[in-house]
Amino acid sequence: MAAPPPRGVFVGLTTLDVVHHVDARPAADQKATATAQFVAAGGPAANAAVTFAGLGGEAVLITAIGRSPIASVIRTDLESWAVRVVDAAGDRTDDAPVSAVAVTRGTGERSIVGIDTTALQVRQAPAIAELVGAADIVLLDGHHPLLAEAAAAAAQAPVVVDAGRWKRTMRPLLPRAQVIIASADFRVPGSETSEATARALVDQGVPTVITTHGDAPVRWWHRGDHGAVQPPNVQVVDTLGAGDVFHGAYCFFACQADADVPTSIERAAAVAALKCATPGPRGWLRRLPELGWHRPLRREE
């Protein structure tokens, strides 16, 4: 009998991403005609949940989107990729956050303007202990602190913290984390470099610390051991959400029976590289069979 799919709970920010690909970003008071456009749910926790589901896991996203027309678009996209949404905003009709994104075609670099959680703040955490307690892995992105702290308190499974940039809301989460995946720009207060930040986290007792550096080696520290994993070399066309994809994929592979830290990183880096080599927020999911893993779970229209 096949093992049941892993269950992941993802807690944090969801946005509506309006993405344009351009040959060059317009200067002040100029306009640019896009070469392509995409509209999809975004945000660190949401993208990680879509990735986890696309690889074959059961993904639950605990977030805040409300009941505005924008929220309807977000919810439809997430559910079409088999992500279960638990909405802490309830029936509120405030607009869910929207991010305007420009991706430069030649380099894949992205520029983002968004309002994050300011648009729709969580006033009270819903009852999530049962959902979180039944998970095989829990990811927190540090947004919506009421949700993050409630999930961290209820988690029985490993807690992964997505440390994209330092936020004060991170401080109570770090002691509960089994894994911290930090971007090259993440700094704990008092640390001047990425390596100093990683060592500070290790010194604080975090069992596993991983730092990503774009196409440079992913560095890791785990229970006294450390090393680096080189991501695949690909032609980069779109880096939007690549870090989020890495986080979601790491969560999925960390739940496998043969999981160890460097192997999970290697597999997650391959998925993130596929994302970078594919234009748009979701097209890469259809290419997952190229890596020999599960087909995406998008429902037929």
Protein backbone atom coordinates (compact mmCIF):
# COMPACT_ATOMS: atom_id res chain seq x y z
CA MET A 1 0.00 0.00 0.00
CA ALA A 2 1.33 3.42 -0.95
CA ALA A 3 2.10 5.81 1.88
CA PRO A 4 -0.40 8.66 2.26
CA PRO A 5 0.75 12.02 0.92
CA PRO A 6 2.42 14.36 3.40
CA ARG A 7 0.26 17.04 4.98
CA GLY A 8 1.64 20.56 5.11
CA VAL A 9 0.17 23.63 6.80
CA PHE A 10 1.32 27.01 5.47
CA VAL A 11 0.62 30.12 7.53
CA GLY A 12 1.00 33.68 6.34
CA LEU A 13 0.51 36.15 3.55
CA THR A 14 -1.62 35.75 0.44
CA THR A 15 -1.85 38.42 -2.24
CA LEU A 16 -3.20 38.81 -5.73
CA ASP A 17 -0.20 39.18 -8.03
CA VAL A 18 -0.66 41.15 -11.24
CA VAL A 19 2.45 40.35 -13.25
CA HIS A 20 3.77 41.96 -16.42
CA HIS A 21 6.82 40.85 -18.36
CA VAL A 22 8.66 43.75 -19.94
CA ASP A 23 11.78 44.20 -22.05
CA ALA A 24 12.83 47.09 -19.80
CA ARG A 25 11.30 48.79 -16.79
CA PRO A 26 9.86 52.19 -17.66
CA ALA A 27 11.49 55.31 -16.28
CA ALA A 28 9.52 58.00 -14.45
CA ASP A 29 6.57 59.32 -16.47
CA GLN A 30 7.06 56.63 -19.12
CA LYS A 31 4.94 53.66 -20.12
CA ALA A 32 5.97 50.23 -21.31
CA THR A 33 4.02 47.66 -23.30
CA ALA A 34 4.21 44.26 -21.67
CA THR A 35 5.17 41.15 -23.61
CA ALA A 36 3.02 38.94 -21.35
CA GLN A 37 0.72 39.25 -18.37
CA PHE A 38 -0.37 36.89 -15.60
CA VAL A 39 -2.78 37.10 -12.65
CA ALA A 40 -2.47 34.59 -9.82
CA ALA A 41 -2.47 34.24 -6.06
CA GLY A 42 0.90 35.16 -4.58
CA GLY A 43 2.61 35.70 -1.28
CA PRO A 44 5.22 33.55 0.47
CA ALA A 45 2.91 31.12 2.28
CA ALA A 46 0.50 30.82 -0.66
CA ASN A 47 3.21 30.08 -3.22
CA ALA A 48 4.79 27.52 -0.92
CA ALA A 49 1.42 25.82 -0.44
CA VAL A 50 0.81 25.64 -4.21
CA THR A 51 4.25 24.09 -4.63
CA PHE A 52 3.65 21.50 -1.91
CA ALA A 53 0.32 20.54 -3.49
CA GLY A 54 1.79 20.48 -6.98
CA LEU A 55 4.40 17.95 -5.86
CA GLY A 56 1.65 15.70 -4.50
CA GLY A 57 1.18 16.79 -0.90
CA GLU A 58 -1.97 17.85 0.93
CA ALA A 59 -1.64 21.60 1.48
CA VAL A 60 -3.62 23.78 3.89
CA LEU A 61 -3.11 27.54 3.73
CA ILE A 62 -4.05 29.58 6.81
CA THR A 63 -4.20 33.20 5.75
CA ALA A 64 -6.48 36.25 5.39
CA ILE A 65 -8.23 37.12 2.13
CA GLY A 66 -11.82 38.03 3.06
CA ARG A 67 -14.81 38.22 0.73
CA SER A 68 -14.02 41.02 -1.69
CA PRO A 69 -14.02 40.50 -5.47
CA ILE A 70 -10.22 40.34 -5.29
CA ALA A 71 -10.49 37.56 -2.72
CA SER A 72 -12.71 35.59 -5.08
CA VAL A 73 -9.99 35.56 -7.73
CA ILE A 74 -7.39 34.51 -5.15
CA ARG A 75 -9.53 31.73 -3.75
CA THR A 76 -10.40 30.34 -7.19
CA ASP A 77 -6.75 30.15 -8.20
CA LEU A 78 -5.63 28.46 -4.97
CA GLU A 79 -8.44 25.93 -4.99
CA SER A 80 -7.77 25.11 -8.63
CA TRP A 81 -4.30 23.98 -7.52
CA ALA A 82 -5.78 21.81 -4.73
CA VAL A 83 -4.85 24.13 -1.85
CA ARG A 84 -7.34 24.18 1.02
CA VAL A 85 -7.82 27.75 2.25
CA VAL A 86 -8.59 28.58 5.89
CA ASP A 87 -9.48 32.26 5.89
CA ALA A 88 -8.95 34.19 9.13
CA ALA A 89 -10.62 37.28 7.65
CA GLY A 90 -14.04 35.63 7.61
CA ASP A 91 -16.72 37.70 5.92
CA ARG A 92 -14.80 40.98 5.90
CA THR A 93 -15.01 42.78 2.58
CA ASP A 94 -11.81 44.82 2.82
CA ASP A 95 -9.76 44.37 -0.32
CA ALA A 96 -7.18 41.61 -0.08
CA PRO A 97 -3.63 42.82 -0.78
CA VAL A 98 -2.57 43.25 -4.39
CA SER A 99 1.03 43.23 -5.64
CA ALA A 100 2.06 44.88 -8.91
CA VAL A 101 5.00 43.00 -10.40
CA ALA A 102 7.29 43.77 -13.33
CA VAL A 103 9.61 41.01 -14.55
CA THR A 104 12.43 41.98 -16.92
CA ARG A 105 12.54 39.42 -19.72
CA GLY A 106 16.27 39.44 -20.34
CA THR A 107 17.31 38.76 -16.75
CA GLY A 108 14.24 37.38 -14.99
CA GLU A 109 14.63 40.01 -12.26
CA ARG A 110 11.43 41.26 -10.67
CA SER A 111 10.27 44.48 -9.05
CA ILE A 112 7.33 44.35 -6.65
CA VAL A 113 5.07 46.99 -5.17
CA GLY A 114 2.58 45.68 -2.62
CA ILE A 115 0.88 46.47 0.65
CA ASP A 116 1.40 43.09 2.39
CA THR A 117 -0.72 42.60 5.52
CA THR A 118 -1.51 46.29 5.96
CA ALA A 119 -4.54 45.92 3.69
CA LEU A 120 -6.22 43.14 5.66
CA GLN A 121 -4.95 42.55 9.17
CA VAL A 122 -5.98 39.55 11.27
CA ARG A 123 -7.81 40.68 14.40
CA GLN A 124 -8.38 37.25 15.93
CA ALA A 125 -6.87 33.88 15.13
CA PRO A 126 -9.40 31.17 14.21
CA ALA A 127 -9.37 27.74 15.83
CA ILE A 128 -6.49 26.12 13.97
CA ALA A 129 -4.95 23.82 16.58
CA GLU A 130 -6.48 20.65 15.11
CA LEU A 131 -5.34 21.46 11.57
CA VAL A 132 -1.83 22.37 12.66
CA GLY A 133 -1.57 19.45 15.07
CA ALA A 134 -2.34 16.96 12.29
CA ALA A 135 0.32 18.31 9.93
CA ASP A 136 3.57 16.58 8.97
CA ILE A 137 5.26 19.95 8.55
CA VAL A 138 4.31 23.60 9.23
CA LEU A 139 5.69 26.65 7.43
CA LEU A 140 5.43 30.19 8.82
CA ASP A 141 6.36 33.24 6.76
CA GLY A 142 6.22 35.73 9.65
CA HIS A 143 3.28 37.70 8.29
CA HIS A 144 -0.01 37.81 10.23
CA PRO A 145 1.68 37.39 13.64
CA LEU A 146 -1.48 36.23 15.43
CA LEU A 147 -1.76 33.32 13.02
CA ALA A 148 1.96 32.53 13.11
CA GLU A 149 2.15 32.43 16.90
CA ALA A 150 -1.01 30.35 17.21
CA ALA A 151 0.30 27.86 14.66
CA ALA A 152 3.74 27.68 16.28
CA ALA A 153 2.15 26.99 19.66
CA ALA A 154 -0.05 24.19 18.25
CA ALA A 155 2.52 22.50 16.02
CA GLN A 156 3.60 18.95 16.82
CA ALA A 157 5.48 18.59 13.54
CA PRO A 158 8.67 20.41 12.48
CA VAL A 159 8.22 24.16 12.08
CA VAL A 160 9.93 25.81 9.09
CA VAL A 161 10.35 29.60 9.18
CA ASP A 162 10.62 31.47 5.88
CA ALA A 163 13.03 34.28 6.77
CA GLY A 164 12.94 36.55 3.77
CA ARG A 165 13.64 39.74 5.67
CA TRP A 166 13.82 40.59 9.34
CA LYS A 167 10.48 41.50 10.90
CA ARG A 168 9.88 42.05 14.59
CA THR A 169 7.24 39.34 14.41
CA MET A 170 10.06 36.85 13.76
CA ARG A 171 11.45 37.10 17.29
CA PRO A 172 8.89 34.84 19.06
CA LEU A 173 8.97 32.34 16.17
CA LEU A 174 12.69 31.65 16.06
CA PRO A 175 12.86 29.63 19.30
CA ARG A 176 10.08 27.35 18.00
CA ALA A 177 11.69 26.71 14.61
CA GLN A 178 13.30 23.43 13.68
CA VAL A 179 14.30 24.83 10.29
CA ILE A 180 14.98 28.42 9.26
CA ILE A 181 15.39 29.10 5.55
CA ALA A 182 16.91 32.56 5.20
CA SER A 183 17.46 34.67 2.13
CA ALA A 184 20.88 36.22 1.53
CA ASP A 185 19.44 39.55 2.70
CA PHE A 186 18.04 38.28 6.01
CA ARG A 187 19.82 39.59 9.09
CA VAL A 188 19.09 39.00 12.73
CA PRO A 189 19.77 42.17 14.72
CA GLY A 190 23.48 42.55 15.38
CA SER A 191 24.65 40.37 12.46
CA GLU A 192 26.26 42.05 9.48
CA THR A 193 26.50 39.16 7.03
CA SER A 194 24.43 36.19 5.93
CA GLU A 195 26.95 33.75 7.44
CA ALA A 196 27.01 35.65 10.73
CA THR A 197 23.22 35.50 10.80
CA ALA A 198 23.25 31.74 10.20
CA ARG A 199 25.79 31.15 12.94
CA ALA A 200 23.84 33.34 15.34
CA LEU A 201 20.74 31.24 14.69
CA VAL A 202 22.71 28.02 15.20
CA ASP A 203 24.10 29.43 18.45
CA GLN A 204 20.52 30.15 19.56
CA GLY A 205 19.74 26.45 19.19
CA VAL A 206 17.98 26.29 15.81
CA PRO A 207 18.63 22.70 14.62
CA THR A 208 18.74 23.46 10.88
CA VAL A 209 19.63 26.75 9.19
CA ILE A 210 19.63 27.12 5.40
CA THR A 211 20.63 30.25 3.48
CA THR A 212 19.81 30.79 -0.20
CA HIS A 213 21.89 33.00 -2.49
CA GLY A 214 20.15 33.06 -5.86
CA ASP A 215 22.10 30.90 -8.30
CA ALA A 216 25.04 30.60 -5.88
CA PRO A 217 25.35 27.58 -3.57
CA VAL A 218 22.69 27.04 -0.91
CA ARG A 219 24.50 26.81 2.43
CA TRP A 220 23.26 24.71 5.34
CA TRP A 221 24.05 23.99 8.97
CA HIS A 222 22.51 20.99 10.73
CA ARG A 223 23.33 19.67 14.20
CA GLY A 224 27.05 20.36 14.04
CA ASP A 225 27.45 19.54 10.34
CA HIS A 226 27.44 22.02 7.48
CA GLY A 227 27.79 22.12 3.72
CA ALA A 228 26.61 23.67 0.46
CA VAL A 229 24.50 22.57 -2.50
CA GLN A 230 24.92 24.08 -5.96
CA PRO A 231 21.56 24.76 -7.69
CA PRO A 232 21.12 23.64 -11.31
CA ASN A 233 22.36 26.01 -14.00
CA VAL A 234 19.38 27.20 -16.06
CA GLN A 235 18.49 30.04 -18.39
CA VAL A 236 16.65 32.37 -16.00
CA VAL A 237 13.53 34.05 -17.38
CA ASP A 238 11.38 34.73 -14.28
CA THR A 239 12.51 34.76 -10.63
CA LEU A 240 9.17 35.83 -9.15
CA GLY A 241 8.30 33.50 -6.26
CA ALA A 242 11.36 31.29 -6.74
CA GLY A 243 12.27 31.47 -3.07
CA ASP A 244 8.71 30.59 -2.07
CA VAL A 245 8.81 27.61 -4.42
CA PHE A 246 12.07 26.47 -2.82
CA HIS A 247 10.45 26.65 0.63
CA GLY A 248 7.38 24.68 -0.40
CA ALA A 249 9.46 22.06 -2.18
CA TYR A 250 11.83 21.73 0.79
CA CYS A 251 8.83 21.12 3.05
CA PHE A 252 7.59 18.39 0.70
CA PHE A 253 10.91 16.60 0.36
CA ALA A 254 11.69 16.91 4.08
CA CYS A 255 8.61 14.72 4.68
CA GLN A 256 9.93 11.85 2.56
CA ALA A 257 11.27 8.68 4.14
CA ASP A 258 14.75 9.15 2.64
CA ALA A 259 14.95 12.81 3.63
CA ASP A 260 18.13 14.42 4.86
CA VAL A 261 19.01 18.10 4.74
CA PRO A 262 21.33 18.17 1.70
CA THR A 263 19.09 15.83 -0.33
CA SER A 264 15.99 17.90 0.45
CA ILE A 265 17.87 21.06 -0.54
CA GLU A 266 19.09 19.50 -3.79
CA ARG A 267 15.59 18.46 -4.80
CA ALA A 268 14.03 21.77 -3.75
CA ALA A 269 16.68 23.69 -5.68
CA ALA A 270 15.84 21.69 -8.80
CA VAL A 271 12.17 22.68 -8.47
CA ALA A 272 13.05 26.35 -7.88
CA ALA A 273 15.34 26.27 -10.91
CA LEU A 274 12.47 24.94 -13.02
CA LYS A 275 10.38 27.88 -11.79
CA CYS A 276 13.13 30.34 -12.79
CA ALA A 277 13.37 28.77 -16.25
CA THR A 278 9.63 29.08 -16.93
CA PRO A 279 7.74 32.35 -17.47
CA GLY A 280 4.72 33.09 -15.29
CA PRO A 281 3.59 32.11 -11.81
CA ARG A 282 2.19 28.65 -12.61
CA GLY A 283 3.55 27.37 -15.93
CA TRP A 284 6.44 25.59 -14.23
CA LEU A 285 3.98 23.27 -12.44
CA ARG A 286 3.04 21.69 -15.75
CA ARG A 287 6.72 20.90 -16.31
CA LEU A 288 7.20 18.94 -13.08
CA PRO A 289 7.08 15.59 -14.93
CA GLU A 290 10.42 16.64 -16.47
CA LEU A 291 11.93 16.17 -13.00
CA GLY A 292 10.30 12.77 -12.55
CA TRP A 293 7.94 13.86 -9.76
CA HIS A 294 4.18 14.14 -9.41
CA ARG A 295 2.10 15.87 -12.01
CA PRO A 296 0.45 19.08 -10.82
CA LEU A 297 -2.96 18.64 -9.22
CA ARG A 298 -4.81 21.36 -11.14
CA ARG A 299 -8.41 20.35 -11.65
CA GLU A 300 -9.78 20.11 -15.15
CA GLU A 301 -11.89 23.07 -16.23
